[in-house]
N, C-alpha and C. Protein backbone atom coordinates (compact mmCIF):
# COMPACT_ATOMS: atom_id res chain seq x y z
N MET A 1 0.85 -1.19 0.00
CA MET A 1 0.00 0.00 0.00
C MET A 1 0.89 1.24 0.00
N ALA A 2 0.56 2.13 -0.89
CA ALA A 2 1.37 3.35 -0.97
C ALA A 2 1.06 4.24 0.22
N THR A 3 2.08 4.90 0.73
CA THR A 3 1.90 5.82 1.85
C THR A 3 1.86 7.24 1.33
N SER A 4 1.10 8.06 1.98
CA SER A 4 1.02 9.46 1.57
C SER A 4 2.26 10.19 2.01
N PRO A 5 2.78 11.09 1.18
CA PRO A 5 3.98 11.82 1.55
C PRO A 5 3.75 12.72 2.74
N GLY A 6 4.76 12.88 3.57
CA GLY A 6 4.67 13.78 4.70
C GLY A 6 4.77 15.21 4.26
N PRO A 7 4.58 16.12 5.18
CA PRO A 7 4.66 17.55 4.82
C PRO A 7 6.07 17.90 4.38
N SER A 8 6.17 18.71 3.36
CA SER A 8 7.48 19.09 2.84
C SER A 8 8.14 20.09 3.78
N THR A 9 9.46 20.04 3.84
CA THR A 9 10.22 20.96 4.67
C THR A 9 10.79 22.07 3.82
N PRO A 10 10.53 23.33 4.14
CA PRO A 10 11.07 24.43 3.34
C PRO A 10 12.59 24.37 3.31
N THR A 11 13.15 24.66 2.18
CA THR A 11 14.60 24.68 2.04
C THR A 11 15.03 26.05 1.57
N LEU A 12 16.32 26.29 1.62
CA LEU A 12 16.85 27.58 1.20
C LEU A 12 16.79 27.70 -0.31
N PRO A 13 16.77 28.92 -0.83
CA PRO A 13 16.66 29.12 -2.27
C PRO A 13 17.87 28.60 -3.00
N ALA A 14 17.71 28.36 -4.29
CA ALA A 14 18.81 27.87 -5.12
C ALA A 14 19.90 28.92 -5.20
N SER A 15 21.13 28.44 -5.46
CA SER A 15 22.28 29.36 -5.46
C SER A 15 22.14 30.46 -6.48
N SER A 16 21.47 30.15 -7.60
CA SER A 16 21.34 31.17 -8.63
C SER A 16 20.50 32.35 -8.18
N ALA A 17 19.70 32.13 -7.11
CA ALA A 17 18.84 33.20 -6.63
C ALA A 17 19.50 34.07 -5.58
N ILE A 18 20.72 33.72 -5.21
CA ILE A 18 21.38 34.42 -4.11
C ILE A 18 22.30 35.49 -4.66
N PRO A 19 22.10 36.73 -4.28
CA PRO A 19 22.94 37.81 -4.78
C PRO A 19 24.31 37.79 -4.16
N ALA A 20 25.25 38.41 -4.84
CA ALA A 20 26.60 38.52 -4.31
C ALA A 20 26.63 39.53 -3.20
N PRO A 21 27.69 39.52 -2.35
CA PRO A 21 27.80 40.53 -1.32
C PRO A 21 27.73 41.94 -1.91
N TYR A 22 27.18 42.86 -1.13
CA TYR A 22 27.02 44.25 -1.55
C TYR A 22 26.11 44.37 -2.77
N THR A 23 25.16 43.42 -2.90
CA THR A 23 24.21 43.51 -4.00
C THR A 23 23.40 44.79 -3.91
N THR A 24 22.95 45.28 -5.05
CA THR A 24 22.10 46.47 -5.05
C THR A 24 20.64 46.11 -4.83
N THR A 25 20.34 44.79 -4.86
CA THR A 25 18.98 44.35 -4.55
C THR A 25 18.71 44.57 -3.08
N THR A 26 17.57 45.15 -2.76
CA THR A 26 17.31 45.48 -1.36
C THR A 26 15.93 45.01 -0.93
N THR A 27 15.84 44.58 0.31
CA THR A 27 14.55 44.26 0.89
C THR A 27 14.21 45.22 2.01
N LYS A 28 15.21 45.72 2.69
CA LYS A 28 14.98 46.66 3.79
C LYS A 28 16.28 47.39 4.09
N PRO A 29 16.31 48.69 3.92
CA PRO A 29 17.54 49.41 4.21
C PRO A 29 17.77 49.57 5.70
N SER A 30 19.02 49.47 6.13
CA SER A 30 19.40 49.75 7.50
C SER A 30 20.60 50.67 7.42
N GLU A 31 20.32 52.00 7.49
CA GLU A 31 21.37 52.99 7.28
C GLU A 31 22.07 52.69 5.96
N ASN A 32 21.26 52.46 4.91
CA ASN A 32 21.73 52.22 3.56
C ASN A 32 22.34 50.83 3.36
N PHE A 33 22.24 49.95 4.36
CA PHE A 33 22.68 48.57 4.15
C PHE A 33 21.57 47.80 3.44
N ASN A 34 21.93 47.07 2.40
CA ASN A 34 20.94 46.34 1.63
C ASN A 34 20.89 44.88 2.07
N PHE A 35 19.79 44.49 2.68
CA PHE A 35 19.61 43.09 3.06
C PHE A 35 19.23 42.28 1.82
N PRO A 36 19.92 41.18 1.55
CA PRO A 36 19.60 40.37 0.37
C PRO A 36 18.24 39.70 0.50
N PRO A 37 17.63 39.33 -0.62
CA PRO A 37 16.26 38.78 -0.59
C PRO A 37 16.11 37.52 0.26
N TYR A 38 17.16 36.71 0.37
CA TYR A 38 16.97 35.46 1.13
C TYR A 38 16.72 35.71 2.62
N THR A 39 16.93 36.94 3.10
CA THR A 39 16.62 37.23 4.51
C THR A 39 15.11 37.30 4.75
N LEU A 40 14.33 37.32 3.67
CA LEU A 40 12.88 37.27 3.79
C LEU A 40 12.34 35.84 3.92
N PHE A 41 13.21 34.87 3.71
CA PHE A 41 12.79 33.47 3.67
C PHE A 41 12.80 32.91 5.09
N PRO A 42 11.65 32.56 5.67
CA PRO A 42 11.58 32.14 7.09
C PRO A 42 12.57 31.05 7.49
N PRO A 43 12.78 29.98 6.66
CA PRO A 43 13.71 28.92 7.10
C PRO A 43 15.15 29.40 7.29
N PHE A 44 15.47 30.57 6.75
CA PHE A 44 16.83 31.10 6.92
C PHE A 44 17.15 31.31 8.40
N TYR A 45 16.13 31.50 9.23
CA TYR A 45 16.33 31.81 10.65
C TYR A 45 16.20 30.58 11.55
N THR A 46 16.14 29.41 10.94
CA THR A 46 16.18 28.15 11.68
C THR A 46 17.24 27.27 11.04
N LEU A 47 18.23 26.83 11.80
CA LEU A 47 19.28 26.01 11.22
C LEU A 47 18.69 24.72 10.68
N GLN A 48 19.01 24.43 9.43
CA GLN A 48 18.43 23.28 8.74
C GLN A 48 19.06 21.98 9.21
N LEU A 49 18.26 20.91 9.20
CA LEU A 49 18.74 19.60 9.66
C LEU A 49 19.62 18.93 8.62
N ASN A 50 19.28 19.09 7.35
CA ASN A 50 20.10 18.51 6.28
C ASN A 50 21.47 19.17 6.28
N LEU A 51 22.53 18.35 6.40
CA LEU A 51 23.87 18.91 6.59
C LEU A 51 24.33 19.72 5.39
N THR A 52 23.99 19.28 4.18
CA THR A 52 24.39 20.03 2.98
C THR A 52 23.69 21.38 2.96
N THR A 53 22.40 21.39 3.28
CA THR A 53 21.64 22.64 3.31
C THR A 53 22.15 23.55 4.42
N ARG A 54 22.46 22.95 5.57
CA ARG A 54 22.96 23.76 6.69
C ARG A 54 24.30 24.40 6.34
N ALA A 55 25.18 23.65 5.67
CA ALA A 55 26.49 24.21 5.30
C ALA A 55 26.30 25.42 4.40
N ARG A 56 25.37 25.31 3.46
CA ARG A 56 25.10 26.45 2.57
C ARG A 56 24.49 27.61 3.36
N GLN A 57 23.59 27.28 4.28
CA GLN A 57 22.96 28.31 5.11
C GLN A 57 24.00 29.06 5.94
N LEU A 58 24.92 28.33 6.54
CA LEU A 58 25.97 28.97 7.35
C LEU A 58 26.87 29.85 6.49
N ASP A 59 27.12 29.43 5.25
CA ASP A 59 27.91 30.26 4.35
C ASP A 59 27.18 31.57 4.03
N LEU A 60 25.86 31.48 3.86
CA LEU A 60 25.07 32.70 3.61
C LEU A 60 25.12 33.63 4.81
N TRP A 61 24.99 33.05 6.01
CA TRP A 61 25.07 33.86 7.23
C TRP A 61 26.45 34.49 7.36
N SER A 62 27.48 33.75 7.00
CA SER A 62 28.85 34.28 7.07
C SER A 62 28.98 35.52 6.18
N THR A 63 28.49 35.40 4.95
CA THR A 63 28.55 36.54 4.03
C THR A 63 27.74 37.71 4.55
N LEU A 64 26.53 37.42 5.06
CA LEU A 64 25.67 38.50 5.55
C LEU A 64 26.31 39.21 6.74
N LEU A 65 26.81 38.45 7.70
CA LEU A 65 27.36 39.07 8.91
C LEU A 65 28.60 39.90 8.60
N THR A 66 29.53 39.35 7.82
CA THR A 66 30.77 40.10 7.55
C THR A 66 30.50 41.30 6.66
N THR A 67 29.56 41.17 5.72
CA THR A 67 29.21 42.31 4.87
C THR A 67 28.55 43.41 5.68
N TYR A 68 27.65 43.01 6.59
CA TYR A 68 26.97 43.96 7.47
C TYR A 68 27.98 44.69 8.34
N TYR A 69 28.90 43.96 8.93
CA TYR A 69 29.89 44.58 9.82
C TYR A 69 30.85 45.48 9.05
N ALA A 70 31.22 45.08 7.85
CA ALA A 70 32.09 45.94 7.04
C ALA A 70 31.35 47.23 6.67
N HIS A 71 30.08 47.11 6.31
CA HIS A 71 29.29 48.29 5.92
C HIS A 71 29.20 49.28 7.07
N HIS A 72 28.95 48.77 8.28
CA HIS A 72 28.79 49.65 9.44
C HIS A 72 30.11 49.92 10.17
N HIS A 73 31.19 49.37 9.67
CA HIS A 73 32.51 49.55 10.26
C HIS A 73 32.51 49.15 11.74
N LEU A 74 32.02 47.95 12.00
CA LEU A 74 31.95 47.41 13.36
C LEU A 74 32.98 46.29 13.50
N PHE A 75 33.41 46.05 14.73
CA PHE A 75 34.45 45.05 14.95
C PHE A 75 34.11 44.04 16.05
N ARG A 76 33.15 44.36 16.91
CA ARG A 76 32.81 43.46 18.02
C ARG A 76 31.33 43.12 17.97
N LEU A 77 31.04 41.84 18.25
CA LEU A 77 29.65 41.40 18.37
C LEU A 77 29.47 40.81 19.77
N ASN A 78 28.60 41.43 20.55
CA ASN A 78 28.27 40.93 21.88
C ASN A 78 26.97 40.14 21.81
N LEU A 79 26.99 38.93 22.33
CA LEU A 79 25.79 38.11 22.29
C LEU A 79 24.65 38.73 23.09
N SER A 80 24.97 39.50 24.10
CA SER A 80 23.92 40.13 24.92
C SER A 80 23.27 41.31 24.22
N THR A 81 24.00 41.95 23.31
CA THR A 81 23.46 43.12 22.60
C THR A 81 23.86 43.09 21.13
N PRO A 82 23.41 42.08 20.38
CA PRO A 82 23.75 42.04 18.95
C PRO A 82 23.01 43.13 18.19
N PRO A 83 23.47 43.48 17.00
CA PRO A 83 22.72 44.46 16.21
C PRO A 83 21.27 44.01 16.07
N PRO A 84 20.31 44.86 16.38
CA PRO A 84 18.91 44.42 16.46
C PRO A 84 18.33 43.94 15.14
N ASP A 85 18.85 44.42 14.02
CA ASP A 85 18.27 44.04 12.74
C ASP A 85 19.03 42.92 12.03
N LEU A 86 20.17 42.52 12.55
CA LEU A 86 20.99 41.55 11.85
C LEU A 86 20.41 40.14 11.91
N PHE A 87 19.94 39.73 13.07
CA PHE A 87 19.48 38.36 13.26
C PHE A 87 17.95 38.24 13.25
N THR A 88 17.26 39.30 12.84
CA THR A 88 15.81 39.30 12.74
C THR A 88 15.40 39.59 11.30
N SER A 89 14.41 38.89 10.81
CA SER A 89 13.98 39.08 9.43
C SER A 89 13.46 40.50 9.22
N PRO A 90 13.54 41.00 7.98
CA PRO A 90 13.06 42.36 7.72
C PRO A 90 11.61 42.56 8.09
N THR A 91 10.80 41.50 8.06
CA THR A 91 9.39 41.61 8.43
C THR A 91 9.17 41.46 9.93
N LYS A 92 10.25 41.20 10.69
CA LYS A 92 10.20 40.98 12.14
C LYS A 92 9.48 39.68 12.51
N ALA A 93 9.24 38.82 11.53
CA ALA A 93 8.47 37.61 11.77
C ALA A 93 9.32 36.49 12.39
N ARG A 94 10.59 36.46 12.06
CA ARG A 94 11.46 35.38 12.54
C ARG A 94 12.79 35.95 13.01
N SER A 95 13.40 35.26 13.96
CA SER A 95 14.73 35.65 14.45
C SER A 95 15.57 34.41 14.65
N LEU A 96 16.87 34.56 14.49
CA LEU A 96 17.79 33.47 14.81
C LEU A 96 17.91 33.39 16.32
N SER A 97 17.72 32.21 16.89
CA SER A 97 17.73 32.06 18.34
C SER A 97 19.14 32.26 18.90
N PRO A 98 19.26 32.64 20.18
CA PRO A 98 20.59 32.78 20.79
C PRO A 98 21.45 31.52 20.65
N THR A 99 20.82 30.35 20.78
CA THR A 99 21.58 29.10 20.63
C THR A 99 22.13 28.97 19.21
N ASN A 100 21.30 29.29 18.23
CA ASN A 100 21.75 29.19 16.84
C ASN A 100 22.74 30.28 16.47
N ILE A 101 22.63 31.44 17.11
CA ILE A 101 23.64 32.47 16.89
C ILE A 101 25.00 31.98 17.37
N ARG A 102 25.03 31.31 18.50
CA ARG A 102 26.30 30.78 19.01
C ARG A 102 26.85 29.69 18.08
N ILE A 103 25.97 28.84 17.56
CA ILE A 103 26.40 27.82 16.60
C ILE A 103 26.98 28.49 15.36
N LEU A 104 26.31 29.53 14.90
CA LEU A 104 26.82 30.28 13.74
C LEU A 104 28.19 30.87 14.03
N LEU A 105 28.36 31.48 15.20
CA LEU A 105 29.64 32.10 15.52
C LEU A 105 30.74 31.06 15.69
N ASP A 106 30.40 29.89 16.22
CA ASP A 106 31.38 28.80 16.29
C ASP A 106 31.84 28.41 14.88
N HIS A 107 30.88 28.36 13.96
CA HIS A 107 31.23 28.05 12.56
C HIS A 107 32.15 29.13 11.99
N LEU A 108 31.79 30.40 12.21
CA LEU A 108 32.60 31.49 11.68
C LEU A 108 33.99 31.51 12.32
N ALA A 109 34.06 31.13 13.59
CA ALA A 109 35.37 31.06 14.26
C ALA A 109 36.24 29.98 13.61
N SER A 110 35.62 28.89 13.18
CA SER A 110 36.38 27.81 12.55
C SER A 110 36.93 28.21 11.19
N THR A 111 36.33 29.24 10.57
CA THR A 111 36.79 29.72 9.27
C THR A 111 37.62 30.99 9.38
N GLY A 112 37.81 31.50 10.62
CA GLY A 112 38.62 32.69 10.82
C GLY A 112 37.88 33.99 10.60
N LYS A 113 36.56 33.94 10.40
CA LYS A 113 35.80 35.17 10.18
C LYS A 113 35.51 35.90 11.49
N VAL A 114 35.45 35.17 12.58
CA VAL A 114 35.31 35.79 13.89
C VAL A 114 36.28 35.11 14.84
N GLU A 115 36.49 35.73 15.97
CA GLU A 115 37.38 35.18 17.00
C GLU A 115 36.73 35.42 18.36
N TRP A 116 36.54 34.35 19.10
CA TRP A 116 35.94 34.50 20.43
C TRP A 116 36.86 35.30 21.33
N ILE A 117 36.31 36.28 22.03
CA ILE A 117 37.07 37.10 22.96
C ILE A 117 37.08 36.39 24.31
N PRO A 118 38.25 36.11 24.87
CA PRO A 118 38.30 35.39 26.14
C PRO A 118 37.46 36.08 27.22
N ALA A 119 36.74 35.29 27.99
CA ALA A 119 35.93 35.84 29.08
C ALA A 119 36.83 36.45 30.14
N ALA A 120 36.28 37.39 30.88
CA ALA A 120 37.06 38.08 31.92
C ALA A 120 37.53 37.11 33.00
N THR A 121 36.70 36.11 33.28
CA THR A 121 37.04 35.11 34.29
C THR A 121 37.42 33.81 33.61
N LYS A 122 38.57 33.28 33.95
CA LYS A 122 39.05 32.05 33.33
C LYS A 122 38.05 30.92 33.55
N GLY A 123 37.78 30.18 32.50
CA GLY A 123 36.86 29.05 32.59
C GLY A 123 35.43 29.39 32.24
N GLN A 124 35.10 30.69 32.17
CA GLN A 124 33.74 31.09 31.79
C GLN A 124 33.58 31.06 30.28
N GLU A 125 32.35 30.89 29.82
CA GLU A 125 32.05 30.88 28.41
C GLU A 125 32.12 32.30 27.86
N SER A 126 32.73 32.44 26.69
CA SER A 126 32.81 33.76 26.07
C SER A 126 31.45 34.17 25.54
N HIS A 127 31.19 35.48 25.58
CA HIS A 127 29.92 36.00 25.10
C HIS A 127 30.12 37.11 24.06
N ALA A 128 31.30 37.17 23.46
CA ALA A 128 31.56 38.20 22.46
C ALA A 128 32.64 37.72 21.50
N VAL A 129 32.59 38.26 20.29
CA VAL A 129 33.60 37.92 19.28
C VAL A 129 34.11 39.20 18.62
N TRP A 130 35.34 39.12 18.13
CA TRP A 130 35.81 40.11 17.16
C TRP A 130 35.42 39.60 15.80
N VAL A 131 34.96 40.51 14.94
CA VAL A 131 34.57 40.14 13.58
C VAL A 131 35.67 40.57 12.62
N TRP A 132 36.26 39.59 11.96
CA TRP A 132 37.34 39.85 11.00
C TRP A 132 36.73 39.92 9.60
N TRP A 133 36.09 41.07 9.26
CA TRP A 133 35.52 41.19 7.92
C TRP A 133 36.61 41.39 6.86
N LYS A 134 37.80 41.65 7.29
CA LYS A 134 39.00 41.43 6.49
C LYS A 134 39.91 40.57 7.35
N SER A 135 40.73 39.77 6.72
CA SER A 135 41.65 38.95 7.51
C SER A 135 42.74 39.83 8.11
N ALA A 136 43.37 39.33 9.16
CA ALA A 136 44.48 40.08 9.77
C ALA A 136 45.58 40.32 8.74
N GLY A 137 45.78 39.35 7.85
CA GLY A 137 46.79 39.51 6.80
C GLY A 137 46.45 40.62 5.83
N GLU A 138 45.16 40.74 5.49
CA GLU A 138 44.74 41.82 4.59
C GLU A 138 44.93 43.17 5.25
N TRP A 139 44.61 43.27 6.54
CA TRP A 139 44.83 44.54 7.23
C TRP A 139 46.33 44.83 7.36
N ALA A 140 47.13 43.79 7.56
CA ALA A 140 48.59 44.00 7.61
C ALA A 140 49.08 44.57 6.29
N ASP A 141 48.54 44.07 5.18
CA ASP A 141 48.89 44.61 3.87
C ASP A 141 48.52 46.08 3.77
N GLU A 142 47.35 46.44 4.31
CA GLU A 142 46.91 47.83 4.25
C GLU A 142 47.80 48.74 5.09
N VAL A 143 48.15 48.28 6.28
CA VAL A 143 49.05 49.08 7.13
C VAL A 143 50.39 49.24 6.43
N ASP A 144 50.90 48.16 5.86
CA ASP A 144 52.19 48.22 5.16
C ASP A 144 52.12 49.19 3.98
N GLY A 145 50.99 49.16 3.25
CA GLY A 145 50.82 50.09 2.13
C GLY A 145 50.78 51.53 2.61
N TRP A 146 50.12 51.76 3.75
CA TRP A 146 50.07 53.10 4.32
C TRP A 146 51.47 53.57 4.72
N VAL A 147 52.25 52.67 5.30
CA VAL A 147 53.63 53.01 5.68
C VAL A 147 54.42 53.44 4.45
N GLU A 148 54.26 52.70 3.35
CA GLU A 148 54.99 53.02 2.12
C GLU A 148 54.55 54.38 1.56
N ARG A 149 53.24 54.59 1.51
CA ARG A 149 52.72 55.81 0.88
C ARG A 149 53.01 57.06 1.68
N THR A 150 53.07 56.93 3.00
CA THR A 150 53.21 58.12 3.85
C THR A 150 54.63 58.31 4.37
N GLY A 151 55.56 57.49 3.92
CA GLY A 151 56.95 57.67 4.32
C GLY A 151 57.21 57.40 5.79
N GLN A 152 56.52 56.40 6.34
CA GLN A 152 56.67 56.08 7.76
C GLN A 152 57.82 55.11 8.04
N LYS A 153 58.47 54.60 7.01
CA LYS A 153 59.57 53.67 7.24
C LYS A 153 60.66 54.32 8.08
N GLY A 154 61.07 53.61 9.12
CA GLY A 154 62.08 54.14 10.01
C GLY A 154 61.52 55.01 11.11
N GLY A 155 60.24 55.37 10.97
CA GLY A 155 59.60 56.21 11.98
C GLY A 155 58.92 55.38 13.06
N VAL A 156 58.53 56.06 14.12
CA VAL A 156 57.85 55.42 15.24
C VAL A 156 56.52 56.13 15.47
N VAL A 157 55.46 55.36 15.58
CA VAL A 157 54.15 55.90 15.95
C VAL A 157 53.62 55.09 17.13
N THR A 158 52.71 55.66 17.87
CA THR A 158 52.13 54.92 18.99
C THR A 158 50.94 54.09 18.49
N VAL A 159 50.62 53.06 19.24
CA VAL A 159 49.45 52.25 18.92
C VAL A 159 48.21 53.14 18.94
N TYR A 160 48.15 54.04 19.89
CA TYR A 160 47.01 54.97 19.99
C TYR A 160 46.84 55.77 18.71
N GLU A 161 47.94 56.26 18.16
CA GLU A 161 47.86 57.07 16.93
C GLU A 161 47.34 56.26 15.75
N LEU A 162 47.63 54.96 15.73
CA LEU A 162 47.16 54.11 14.64
C LEU A 162 45.67 53.80 14.75
N LEU A 163 45.11 54.00 15.94
CA LEU A 163 43.71 53.65 16.17
C LEU A 163 42.76 54.83 16.10
N GLU A 164 43.27 56.04 16.30
CA GLU A 164 42.40 57.21 16.44
C GLU A 164 42.31 58.01 15.15
N GLU A 165 41.08 58.15 14.65
CA GLU A 165 40.88 58.86 13.39
C GLU A 165 41.15 60.36 13.54
N GLU A 166 41.15 60.85 14.78
CA GLU A 166 41.43 62.27 14.96
C GLU A 166 42.85 62.60 14.54
N ASP A 167 43.70 61.57 14.49
CA ASP A 167 45.04 61.76 13.96
C ASP A 167 44.94 61.74 12.44
N GLY A 168 45.21 62.86 11.81
CA GLY A 168 45.05 62.98 10.37
C GLY A 168 45.82 61.96 9.57
N ALA A 169 46.92 61.45 10.13
CA ALA A 169 47.77 60.53 9.37
C ALA A 169 47.05 59.24 9.00
N VAL A 170 46.11 58.80 9.84
CA VAL A 170 45.41 57.54 9.56
C VAL A 170 43.93 57.75 9.25
N ARG A 171 43.51 58.98 9.05
CA ARG A 171 42.10 59.26 8.80
C ARG A 171 41.63 58.51 7.57
N GLY A 172 40.50 57.81 7.72
CA GLY A 172 39.93 57.09 6.59
C GLY A 172 40.48 55.69 6.38
N ARG A 173 41.46 55.29 7.18
CA ARG A 173 42.01 53.93 7.03
C ARG A 173 41.02 52.91 7.59
N SER A 174 40.95 51.75 6.96
CA SER A 174 39.91 50.77 7.32
C SER A 174 40.09 50.17 8.71
N TRP A 175 41.31 50.20 9.25
CA TRP A 175 41.52 49.60 10.57
C TRP A 175 41.20 50.57 11.71
N VAL A 176 41.01 51.84 11.41
CA VAL A 176 40.73 52.83 12.45
C VAL A 176 39.42 52.45 13.16
N GLY A 177 39.46 52.42 14.48
CA GLY A 177 38.28 52.06 15.25
C GLY A 177 38.28 50.64 15.75
N MET A 178 39.18 49.79 15.23
CA MET A 178 39.23 48.42 15.75
C MET A 178 39.83 48.43 17.15
N GLU A 179 39.59 47.39 17.88
CA GLU A 179 40.11 47.32 19.24
C GLU A 179 41.62 47.09 19.21
N GLU A 180 42.25 47.55 20.27
CA GLU A 180 43.71 47.47 20.32
C GLU A 180 44.22 46.05 20.17
N THR A 181 43.54 45.09 20.80
CA THR A 181 44.00 43.71 20.72
C THR A 181 43.98 43.22 19.27
N MET A 182 42.97 43.60 18.52
CA MET A 182 42.90 43.23 17.11
C MET A 182 44.06 43.86 16.34
N LEU A 183 44.29 45.15 16.57
CA LEU A 183 45.37 45.83 15.85
C LEU A 183 46.71 45.20 16.17
N ARG A 184 46.91 44.81 17.42
CA ARG A 184 48.19 44.19 17.78
C ARG A 184 48.37 42.85 17.07
N LYS A 185 47.29 42.14 16.80
CA LYS A 185 47.39 40.91 16.01
C LYS A 185 47.83 41.24 14.58
N VAL A 186 47.28 42.32 14.04
CA VAL A 186 47.67 42.76 12.70
C VAL A 186 49.15 43.16 12.68
N LEU A 187 49.55 43.94 13.68
CA LEU A 187 50.95 44.36 13.75
C LEU A 187 51.87 43.15 13.95
N GLY A 188 51.38 42.14 14.66
CA GLY A 188 52.18 40.93 14.86
C GLY A 188 52.55 40.26 13.56
N ILE A 189 51.65 40.34 12.57
CA ILE A 189 51.95 39.78 11.25
C ILE A 189 53.07 40.57 10.58
N LEU A 190 53.02 41.90 10.72
CA LEU A 190 54.10 42.72 10.16
C LEU A 190 55.42 42.44 10.85
N VAL A 191 55.38 42.17 12.15
CA VAL A 191 56.60 41.81 12.88
C VAL A 191 57.19 40.52 12.29
N LYS A 192 56.33 39.52 12.06
CA LYS A 192 56.79 38.25 11.49
C LYS A 192 57.35 38.43 10.08
N ARG A 193 56.84 39.41 9.37
CA ARG A 193 57.35 39.70 8.01
C ARG A 193 58.62 40.53 8.04
N GLY A 194 59.04 40.95 9.23
CA GLY A 194 60.21 41.81 9.32
C GLY A 194 59.94 43.25 8.95
N LYS A 195 58.65 43.63 9.00
CA LYS A 195 58.26 44.98 8.58
C LYS A 195 58.01 45.92 9.75
N ALA A 196 58.02 45.41 10.98
CA ALA A 196 57.70 46.26 12.12
C ALA A 196 58.30 45.70 13.39
N GLN A 197 58.44 46.58 14.38
CA GLN A 197 58.83 46.20 15.73
C GLN A 197 57.85 46.89 16.68
N VAL A 198 57.28 46.12 17.59
CA VAL A 198 56.31 46.66 18.54
C VAL A 198 56.90 46.60 19.93
N PHE A 199 56.80 47.69 20.66
CA PHE A 199 57.31 47.70 22.02
C PHE A 199 56.33 48.43 22.93
N GLY A 200 56.17 47.88 24.13
CA GLY A 200 55.21 48.44 25.08
C GLY A 200 53.85 47.77 24.93
N GLU A 201 53.18 47.55 26.07
CA GLU A 201 51.91 46.84 26.07
C GLU A 201 50.71 47.77 26.05
N ALA A 202 50.84 48.98 26.56
CA ALA A 202 49.71 49.89 26.64
C ALA A 202 49.53 50.63 25.32
N GLU A 203 48.43 51.43 25.24
CA GLU A 203 48.18 52.19 24.02
C GLU A 203 49.32 53.15 23.71
N GLY A 204 50.05 53.54 24.74
CA GLY A 204 51.19 54.41 24.52
C GLY A 204 52.38 53.69 23.93
N GLY A 205 52.30 52.36 23.82
CA GLY A 205 53.37 51.59 23.21
C GLY A 205 53.62 52.04 21.78
N GLY A 206 54.81 51.79 21.32
CA GLY A 206 55.18 52.28 20.00
C GLY A 206 55.34 51.19 18.97
N VAL A 207 55.33 51.60 17.71
CA VAL A 207 55.55 50.71 16.58
C VAL A 207 56.57 51.38 15.66
N LYS A 208 57.62 50.65 15.35
CA LYS A 208 58.60 51.15 14.39
C LYS A 208 58.48 50.32 13.13
N PHE A 209 58.39 50.99 11.98
CA PHE A 209 58.21 50.30 10.71
C PHE A 209 59.52 50.26 9.92
N PHE A 210 59.69 49.17 9.23
CA PHE A 210 60.90 48.99 8.41
C PHE A 210 60.53 48.82 6.94
């Protein structure tokens, strides 16, 4: 005897329907940020059981989160106070649950797109990440390019000066505004390349470029 099929499970849209990052297609502007059409699809806010579908879903979330953070020039995501429109559908009908947000961030951490910030108390679970919408290596390339263009080779600047846009020398640079710990990771790559020397632990610490 033939059995009747069970209810179908909604799946994510086909790849051909998914716009590239920074698409001009918009469903809801958020300070001129364009949310792609798939954010209107309710199953996007529930992690799919099918592993192939879930892998694709997590890749879409990765693109959305890093694109959103790059657009707004943000560097930290706190689980207690995430951007209110990022994990909620444009219609406000569905939201990614806190548990699924953590699963998403674990996935992004495994790909280097985010990095869990150690909790203040050893042994406690972290509740915040740094978002690497560019890799540390890409930012190191940008700092190195800035050094070349502005004649900073052989000079010394403070970590504070590299972070503060009020200093005209770095105004408009993409790393301005990132947290000091992130910048020190970027500078660490330049140190390994033989392009910089970092001394001092506080913001007053200096960086010499070669």
